[in-house]
Amino acid sequence: MTDDWRLGGFGLYVHWPFCQAKCPYCDFNSHVTARIDQVRWRNALLSELDRVAAQTPDRLLNSIFFGGGTPSLMEPETVAEIIERACQHWTPANDIEITLEANPGSVEAGRFQGYRDGGVNRVSMGVQALNDADLRRLGRLHTVAEAQAAFDVARACFDRVSFDLIYARQDQSLAEWRTELGTALDMAIDHLSLYQLTIEDGTAFGDRFAAGKLRGLPDDDLSADMYELTQELCEARGLPMYEVSNHARPGAESRHNLIYWQAGDYVGIGPGAHGRVTINGKRFATESTRAPGAWLAGVDAGSGETLRTQLSGLERAEEYLMMGLRLRRGLDVSRYETLAGQPLPEQPRKKLVDLGMINDTGSEIVVQKQGFMVLNAVISEFLAS
């Protein structure tokens, strides 16, 4: 059990908290500021990296992921130094994946060449819509033409380029989503992240929804139709679903995100970053201060981390269940039971099989198509038991 994390791998997550504007649907830890001291932020991130690396020596580093916020606002020198320092602390895998998230409005050819020269080998772009009216409604600063131009710049620099789209948007029809997804599949190289719009508390959309002012959202039937259409079109074009919202050609799955979904270890640095690290056989959940200024002050005082909680075997098992059921490959029952120290309850297994939500071989539990459409309910059945 002390080495269970090795089944998922080991990665580094770096959070850059700044954006050019705050999107109304976004509940990520992102902030808009007029001025960023890039040198101070570079030194602070390197300091946090040094601190946590000292606690996790002798690791094979499978991935680095720069998320945010908008990491494509980082100076390429900052990205390069973090990559170099990480590869000094840990042994980089021969096939290490180093991803940087980018917004189309912040893409510049020279900056992207700098990221590539610094070690980035994969880019994930937040396109979100291929419709100018909906981009404005989503609070995005780019147009469809700018997104396509940015995609071309990224593709010229990197072999692996993914992008995100949000669907089930306000007033979006099934036919419109079919056309838009078809365009996305024409553009796609090997990976797409396709998310249904969710209304989160604490966001501008959340406030509008609570006030009854967010109109045109699809009903459950239309949302389900859109999800089914998404699976059908992506499968036909050679990008099958491998996780509930992610599609890839075989072998092009996001290795970093697979670390999360397969319950590996990952160090999280930067404001609001979370981590899961196994130290001396004990697994800990870590959290960092969310406010950028407070995080910098914490780093200056010795640590930006605000919480480190040891996870029990059952908590580790439940996390593995919640993440593992998101994957098309499913859940390893024996791994769950080893972590939990007890059998996976039979009652929800039988109920969900009878409902056609899961396939249970005894050794593996795999969510079926209709189960993925109500995945939160499937997971809740297990956790309630």
Protein backbone atom coordinates (compact mmCIF):
# COMPACT_ATOMS: atom_id res chain seq x y z
CA MET A 1 0.00 0.00 0.00
CA THR A 2 2.93 2.37 0.69
CA ASP A 3 3.95 2.13 -2.98
CA ASP A 4 0.42 2.25 -4.41
CA TRP A 5 1.05 5.67 -5.96
CA ARG A 6 3.56 4.10 -8.37
CA LEU A 7 0.61 2.54 -10.24
CA GLY A 8 -0.37 6.07 -11.27
CA GLY A 9 3.03 7.70 -11.67
CA PHE A 10 4.52 10.98 -10.43
CA GLY A 11 4.02 14.50 -11.73
CA LEU A 12 4.51 18.18 -10.98
CA TYR A 13 1.70 20.74 -11.25
CA VAL A 14 2.61 24.45 -11.41
CA HIS A 15 -0.20 26.98 -10.95
CA TRP A 16 0.08 30.42 -12.56
CA PRO A 17 -2.81 32.41 -11.09
CA PHE A 18 -3.06 35.35 -13.48
CA CYS A 19 -5.45 35.99 -16.39
CA GLN A 20 -6.18 38.92 -18.66
CA ALA A 21 -9.86 38.72 -17.67
CA LYS A 22 -12.05 36.57 -15.40
CA CYS A 23 -14.46 34.36 -17.36
CA PRO A 24 -18.00 34.28 -15.92
CA TYR A 25 -18.16 30.46 -15.78
CA CYS A 26 -14.71 29.94 -14.22
CA ASP A 27 -14.27 28.85 -10.60
CA PHE A 28 -10.52 28.23 -10.89
CA ASN A 29 -8.10 30.24 -8.78
CA SER A 30 -7.43 33.03 -11.28
CA HIS A 31 -6.87 36.75 -10.79
CA VAL A 32 -6.58 39.84 -12.96
CA THR A 33 -3.77 42.26 -12.14
CA ALA A 34 -2.17 45.19 -13.93
CA ARG A 35 1.42 44.25 -13.16
CA ILE A 36 3.24 40.98 -12.53
CA ASP A 37 6.77 40.85 -11.13
CA GLN A 38 7.94 37.92 -13.22
CA VAL A 39 11.32 37.66 -11.47
CA ARG A 40 9.76 37.51 -8.00
CA TRP A 41 7.25 34.89 -9.13
CA ARG A 42 9.96 32.84 -10.80
CA ASN A 43 12.06 32.83 -7.62
CA ALA A 44 9.06 31.96 -5.44
CA LEU A 45 8.01 29.02 -7.62
CA LEU A 46 11.57 27.71 -7.69
CA SER A 47 11.78 28.03 -3.90
CA GLU A 48 8.59 25.99 -3.43
CA LEU A 49 9.84 23.42 -5.90
CA ASP A 50 13.08 23.05 -3.97
CA ARG A 51 11.18 22.67 -0.68
CA VAL A 52 8.87 19.88 -1.81
CA ALA A 53 11.50 18.09 -3.90
CA ALA A 54 13.64 17.70 -0.79
CA GLN A 55 10.76 15.71 0.74
CA THR A 56 10.24 13.49 -2.32
CA PRO A 57 13.68 12.39 -3.49
CA ASP A 58 14.55 9.64 -5.96
CA ARG A 59 11.41 9.88 -8.09
CA LEU A 60 10.90 9.24 -11.78
CA LEU A 61 9.16 12.35 -13.10
CA ASN A 62 6.50 11.41 -15.65
CA SER A 63 4.96 14.81 -16.31
CA ILE A 64 4.98 18.54 -15.65
CA PHE A 65 1.82 20.59 -16.14
CA PHE A 66 1.64 24.40 -16.14
CA GLY A 67 -1.98 25.31 -15.38
CA GLY A 68 -3.90 28.35 -14.29
CA GLY A 69 -4.98 31.03 -14.76
CA THR A 70 -3.19 31.61 -18.03
CA PRO A 71 0.31 30.09 -18.03
CA SER A 72 0.95 31.45 -21.53
CA LEU A 73 1.35 34.82 -19.74
CA MET A 74 4.49 33.42 -18.05
CA GLU A 75 7.84 34.48 -19.41
CA PRO A 76 9.43 31.57 -21.31
CA GLU A 77 12.51 31.95 -19.08
CA THR A 78 10.38 31.22 -16.02
CA VAL A 79 8.95 28.08 -17.59
CA ALA A 80 12.39 26.93 -18.73
CA GLU A 81 13.97 27.42 -15.30
CA ILE A 82 11.20 25.49 -13.55
CA ILE A 83 11.56 22.60 -16.00
CA GLU A 84 15.33 22.59 -15.60
CA ARG A 85 15.14 22.66 -11.80
CA ALA A 86 12.53 19.88 -11.70
CA CYS A 87 14.72 17.67 -13.88
CA GLN A 88 17.64 18.34 -11.55
CA HIS A 89 15.63 17.23 -8.51
CA TRP A 90 14.00 14.19 -10.09
CA THR A 91 14.90 11.83 -12.93
CA PRO A 92 12.86 12.76 -16.01
CA ALA A 93 11.19 9.85 -17.77
CA ASN A 94 12.41 9.21 -21.31
CA ASP A 95 8.93 10.10 -22.54
CA ILE A 96 8.22 12.91 -20.06
CA GLU A 97 5.18 14.99 -20.99
CA ILE A 98 5.49 18.74 -20.31
CA THR A 99 2.24 20.60 -20.93
CA LEU A 100 1.47 24.31 -20.86
CA GLU A 101 -2.07 25.70 -20.94
CA ALA A 102 -2.62 28.67 -23.25
CA ASN A 103 -5.38 31.09 -24.13
CA PRO A 104 -5.56 32.02 -27.82
CA GLY A 105 -5.36 35.74 -27.06
CA SER A 106 -1.96 35.35 -25.38
CA VAL A 107 -0.35 33.20 -28.08
CA GLU A 108 2.68 34.67 -29.82
CA ALA A 109 4.98 32.74 -32.15
CA GLY A 110 8.15 33.97 -30.45
CA ARG A 111 6.86 33.14 -26.97
CA PHE A 112 5.79 29.65 -28.07
CA GLN A 113 9.21 29.00 -29.60
CA GLY A 114 10.66 30.02 -26.23
CA TYR A 115 8.44 27.52 -24.41
CA ARG A 116 9.46 24.80 -26.85
CA ASP A 117 13.15 25.61 -26.44
CA GLY A 118 12.68 25.54 -22.67
CA GLY A 119 11.32 21.99 -22.76
CA VAL A 120 7.54 22.21 -23.22
CA ASN A 121 6.40 19.47 -25.61
CA ARG A 122 2.60 19.73 -25.39
CA VAL A 123 0.15 22.64 -25.39
CA SER A 124 -3.46 22.66 -24.22
CA MET A 125 -5.47 25.59 -25.57
CA GLY A 126 -8.61 27.06 -24.03
CA VAL A 127 -10.60 27.69 -27.21
CA GLN A 128 -14.00 27.00 -25.52
CA ALA A 129 -16.23 27.82 -28.52
CA LEU A 130 -16.04 28.09 -32.31
CA ASN A 131 -18.74 30.74 -32.47
CA ASP A 132 -17.94 34.43 -31.95
CA ALA A 133 -21.25 35.28 -30.29
CA ASP A 134 -20.84 32.48 -27.76
CA LEU A 135 -17.21 33.41 -27.14
CA ARG A 136 -18.37 36.88 -26.11
CA ARG A 137 -21.11 35.37 -23.94
CA LEU A 138 -18.49 33.18 -22.25
CA GLY A 139 -16.36 36.24 -21.55
CA ARG A 140 -13.54 35.17 -23.86
CA LEU A 141 -11.27 37.85 -25.30
CA HIS A 142 -10.46 36.06 -28.57
CA THR A 143 -12.44 35.46 -31.75
CA VAL A 144 -12.77 32.21 -33.68
CA ALA A 145 -10.29 33.52 -36.27
CA GLU A 146 -7.78 34.34 -33.51
CA ALA A 147 -8.26 30.90 -31.97
CA GLN A 148 -7.61 29.18 -35.29
CA ALA A 149 -4.53 31.36 -35.90
CA ALA A 150 -3.23 30.57 -32.41
CA PHE A 151 -3.82 26.88 -33.02
CA ASP A 152 -1.74 27.10 -36.20
CA VAL A 153 1.08 28.81 -34.30
CA ALA A 154 1.01 26.11 -31.63
CA ARG A 155 0.88 23.34 -34.19
CA ALA A 156 3.96 24.75 -35.94
CA CYS A 157 5.89 24.60 -32.65
CA PHE A 158 4.59 21.41 -31.02
CA ASP A 159 3.73 17.91 -32.18
CA ARG A 160 1.09 17.57 -29.48
CA VAL A 161 -1.62 20.25 -29.28
CA SER A 162 -4.94 19.77 -27.51
CA PHE A 163 -7.78 22.22 -27.06
CA ASP A 164 -10.90 22.58 -24.93
CA LEU A 165 -14.48 23.26 -25.94
CA ILE A 166 -17.53 23.90 -23.77
CA TYR A 167 -20.90 22.65 -25.02
CA ALA A 168 -24.50 22.62 -23.75
CA ARG A 169 -24.18 26.38 -23.83
CA GLN A 170 -27.03 28.87 -23.67
CA ASP A 171 -29.39 28.59 -26.66
CA GLN A 172 -27.15 26.02 -28.37
CA SER A 173 -29.02 23.46 -30.50
CA LEU A 174 -28.00 19.89 -31.17
CA ALA A 175 -27.46 20.71 -34.85
CA GLU A 176 -25.21 23.65 -33.96
CA TRP A 177 -23.11 21.44 -31.68
CA ARG A 178 -22.83 18.80 -34.43
CA THR A 179 -21.44 21.43 -36.83
CA GLU A 180 -19.10 22.94 -34.25
CA LEU A 181 -17.75 19.60 -33.09
CA GLY A 182 -17.21 18.58 -36.71
CA THR A 183 -15.06 21.69 -37.21
CA ALA A 184 -13.14 20.90 -34.02
CA LEU A 185 -12.47 17.35 -35.19
CA ASP A 186 -11.19 18.70 -38.51
CA MET A 187 -8.72 20.84 -36.55
CA ALA A 188 -7.77 18.30 -33.89
CA ILE A 189 -4.42 16.56 -33.94
CA ASP A 190 -4.74 13.85 -31.31
CA HIS A 191 -6.65 15.14 -28.26
CA LEU A 192 -9.81 17.09 -27.38
CA SER A 193 -11.29 18.05 -24.00
CA LEU A 194 -15.05 18.53 -24.30
CA TYR A 195 -16.90 19.79 -21.24
CA GLN A 196 -20.58 20.39 -20.64
CA LEU A 197 -21.16 23.87 -19.25
CA THR A 198 -21.62 23.64 -15.49
CA ILE A 199 -22.84 26.51 -13.33
CA GLU A 200 -20.59 26.86 -10.30
CA ASP A 201 -21.28 28.76 -7.09
CA GLY A 202 -19.14 31.83 -6.66
CA THR A 203 -18.93 32.61 -10.38
CA ALA A 204 -20.68 35.36 -12.35
CA PHE A 205 -22.77 32.70 -14.09
CA GLY A 206 -23.60 31.20 -10.70
CA ASP A 207 -24.86 34.56 -9.43
CA ARG A 208 -26.94 35.13 -12.58
CA PHE A 209 -28.40 31.63 -12.37
CA ALA A 210 -29.37 32.13 -8.73
CA ALA A 211 -31.11 35.36 -9.70
CA GLY A 212 -32.99 33.63 -12.53
CA LYS A 213 -31.16 35.66 -15.18
CA LEU A 214 -29.15 32.92 -16.91
CA ARG A 215 -31.60 31.87 -19.60
CA GLY A 216 -31.38 29.43 -22.48
CA LEU A 217 -29.61 26.60 -20.68
CA PRO A 218 -30.42 23.17 -22.18
CA ASP A 219 -32.70 20.77 -20.34
CA ASP A 220 -31.47 17.35 -19.23
CA ASP A 221 -32.69 15.59 -22.38
CA LEU A 222 -30.88 17.96 -24.72
CA SER A 223 -27.71 17.79 -22.62
CA ALA A 224 -27.86 13.99 -22.79
CA ASP A 225 -28.35 14.11 -26.56
CA MET A 226 -25.32 16.38 -26.89
CA TYR A 227 -23.22 14.02 -24.79
CA GLU A 228 -24.25 11.02 -26.88
CA LEU A 229 -23.55 12.90 -30.11
CA THR A 230 -20.12 13.84 -28.77
CA GLN A 231 -19.23 10.21 -28.13
CA GLU A 232 -20.55 9.11 -31.52
CA LEU A 233 -18.69 11.72 -33.59
CA CYS A 234 -15.40 11.46 -31.69
CA GLU A 235 -15.41 7.66 -31.84
CA ALA A 236 -16.06 7.76 -35.59
CA ARG A 237 -13.14 10.13 -36.10
CA GLY A 238 -10.65 8.04 -34.14
CA LEU A 239 -10.66 10.07 -30.90
CA PRO A 240 -12.63 7.84 -28.51
CA MET A 241 -13.42 8.90 -24.98
CA TYR A 242 -10.81 7.70 -22.47
CA GLU A 243 -12.15 9.83 -19.60
CA VAL A 244 -15.64 11.22 -19.17
CA SER A 245 -14.75 14.57 -20.81
CA ASN A 246 -11.54 13.73 -22.69
CA HIS A 247 -10.97 12.15 -26.08
CA ALA A 248 -7.73 11.05 -27.72
CA ARG A 249 -6.17 8.90 -30.36
CA PRO A 250 -4.80 5.75 -28.71
CA GLY A 251 -1.47 6.63 -27.09
CA ALA A 252 -2.14 10.39 -27.06
CA GLU A 253 -3.98 10.55 -23.73
CA SER A 254 -2.89 13.30 -21.32
CA ARG A 255 -0.29 11.55 -19.17
CA HIS A 256 -0.45 14.21 -16.51
CA ASN A 257 -4.19 13.96 -16.03
CA LEU A 258 -3.91 10.17 -16.00
CA ILE A 259 -1.73 10.56 -12.90
CA TYR A 260 -4.70 12.22 -11.17
CA TRP A 261 -7.25 9.71 -12.42
CA GLN A 262 -5.03 6.71 -11.60
CA ALA A 263 -4.26 7.99 -8.07
CA GLY A 264 -0.58 8.68 -8.61
CA ASP A 265 1.50 11.19 -6.68
CA TYR A 266 1.79 14.81 -7.76
CA VAL A 267 3.43 17.85 -6.27
CA GLY A 268 1.39 21.04 -6.53
CA ILE A 269 3.09 24.45 -6.30
CA GLY A 270 1.66 27.94 -6.76
CA PRO A 271 -1.36 29.74 -5.27
CA GLY A 272 -4.25 27.37 -4.60
CA ALA A 273 -2.37 24.33 -5.91
CA HIS A 274 -3.30 20.94 -4.49
CA GLY A 275 -1.06 17.90 -4.29
CA ARG A 276 -0.97 14.26 -3.27
CA VAL A 277 2.41 13.05 -2.04
CA THR A 278 3.55 9.85 -0.38
CA ILE A 279 6.33 10.44 2.17
CA ASN A 280 7.79 7.63 4.29
CA GLY A 281 4.91 5.38 3.32
CA LYS A 282 2.20 7.87 4.30
CA ARG A 283 0.05 9.69 1.73
CA PHE A 284 -0.78 13.34 2.27
CA ALA A 285 -3.18 15.80 0.67
CA THR A 286 -1.61 19.24 0.38
CA GLU A 287 -3.10 22.67 -0.29
CA SER A 288 -1.55 26.08 -0.84
CA THR A 289 -2.78 29.58 -0.04
CA ARG A 290 -5.13 30.80 -2.79
CA ALA A 291 -4.47 34.56 -2.69
CA PRO A 292 -1.36 35.38 -4.75
CA GLY A 293 -0.02 37.99 -2.33
CA ALA A 294 -0.54 35.77 0.70
CA TRP A 295 1.11 32.87 -1.14
CA LEU A 296 4.20 34.97 -1.91
CA ALA A 297 4.38 36.05 1.73
CA GLY A 298 4.12 32.42 2.81
CA VAL A 299 6.94 31.39 0.50
CA ASP A 300 9.08 34.22 1.86
CA ALA A 301 8.37 32.86 5.36
CA GLY A 302 9.33 29.31 4.35
CA SER A 303 6.30 27.68 2.68
CA GLY A 304 3.29 28.53 0.53
CA GLU A 305 1.58 25.38 1.77
CA THR A 306 -1.26 25.91 4.24
CA LEU A 307 -2.58 22.41 4.77
CA ARG A 308 -1.11 18.92 4.84
CA THR A 309 -3.48 16.14 5.84
CA GLN A 310 -2.59 12.45 6.12
CA LEU A 311 -5.12 10.30 4.29
CA SER A 312 -6.42 7.07 5.78
CA GLY A 313 -6.56 3.90 3.73
CA LEU A 314 -10.30 4.30 3.23
CA GLU A 315 -9.91 7.93 2.14
CA ARG A 316 -7.27 6.87 -0.37
CA ALA A 317 -9.56 4.13 -1.65
CA GLU A 318 -12.48 6.53 -2.03
CA GLU A 319 -10.32 8.99 -3.96
CA TYR A 320 -9.18 6.18 -6.23
CA LEU A 321 -12.81 5.14 -6.76
CA MET A 322 -13.95 8.70 -7.57
CA MET A 323 -11.13 9.19 -10.04
CA GLY A 324 -10.90 5.67 -11.46
CA LEU A 325 -14.56 5.44 -12.42
CA ARG A 326 -14.07 8.50 -14.64
CA LEU A 327 -11.84 6.40 -16.90
CA ARG A 328 -13.12 4.21 -19.68
CA ARG A 329 -10.75 1.46 -18.51
CA GLY A 330 -12.47 1.45 -15.13
CA LEU A 331 -11.61 0.51 -11.56
CA ASP A 332 -9.32 -2.26 -10.31
CA VAL A 333 -11.35 -3.84 -7.48
CA SER A 334 -8.38 -5.50 -5.77
CA ARG A 335 -6.50 -2.18 -5.69
CA TYR A 336 -9.48 -0.50 -4.06
CA GLU A 337 -9.84 -3.27 -1.49
CA THR A 338 -6.12 -3.26 -0.65
CA LEU A 339 -6.27 0.47 0.04
CA ALA A 340 -9.57 0.35 1.93
CA GLY A 341 -8.74 -2.76 3.93
CA GLN A 342 -12.27 -4.01 3.26
CA PRO A 343 -14.34 -5.33 0.33
CA LEU A 344 -16.04 -3.01 -2.12
CA PRO A 345 -19.71 -3.11 -1.06
CA GLU A 346 -21.85 -5.58 -3.02
CA GLN A 347 -25.18 -3.76 -2.79
CA PRO A 348 -24.34 -0.78 -5.05
CA ARG A 349 -22.47 -3.08 -7.44
CA LYS A 350 -25.54 -5.27 -7.97
CA LYS A 351 -27.90 -2.30 -8.20
CA LEU A 352 -25.78 -0.49 -10.80
CA VAL A 353 -25.29 -3.65 -12.86
CA ASP A 354 -29.05 -4.25 -12.87
CA LEU A 355 -29.59 -0.66 -14.03
CA GLY A 356 -27.05 -1.12 -16.84
CA MET A 357 -24.80 1.60 -15.42
CA ILE A 358 -21.69 -0.52 -14.90
CA ASN A 359 -20.12 -3.77 -16.00
CA ASP A 360 -18.72 -5.75 -13.06
CA THR A 361 -16.36 -8.63 -13.88
CA GLY A 362 -15.48 -9.20 -10.25
CA SER A 363 -11.97 -7.87 -10.76
CA GLU A 364 -12.87 -4.70 -12.67
CA ILE A 365 -15.75 -2.23 -12.65
CA VAL A 366 -16.25 -0.34 -15.88
CA VAL A 367 -18.86 2.39 -16.26
CA GLN A 368 -21.12 1.91 -19.27
CA LYS A 369 -22.37 4.56 -21.71
CA GLN A 370 -25.55 5.33 -19.80
CA GLY A 371 -23.57 5.37 -16.55
CA PHE A 372 -21.19 8.05 -17.82
CA MET A 373 -24.19 10.27 -18.53
CA VAL A 374 -25.00 10.27 -14.78
CA LEU A 375 -21.51 9.59 -13.46
CA ASN A 376 -21.88 11.64 -10.28
CA ALA A 377 -24.90 9.56 -9.31
CA VAL A 378 -22.97 6.32 -10.00
CA ILE A 379 -20.09 7.45 -7.80
CA SER A 380 -22.49 8.58 -5.08
CA GLU A 381 -24.05 5.09 -4.97
CA PHE A 382 -20.68 3.63 -4.03
CA LEU A 383 -19.72 6.37 -1.56
CA ALA A 384 -23.07 6.18 0.21
CA SER A 385 -22.35 2.53 1.02
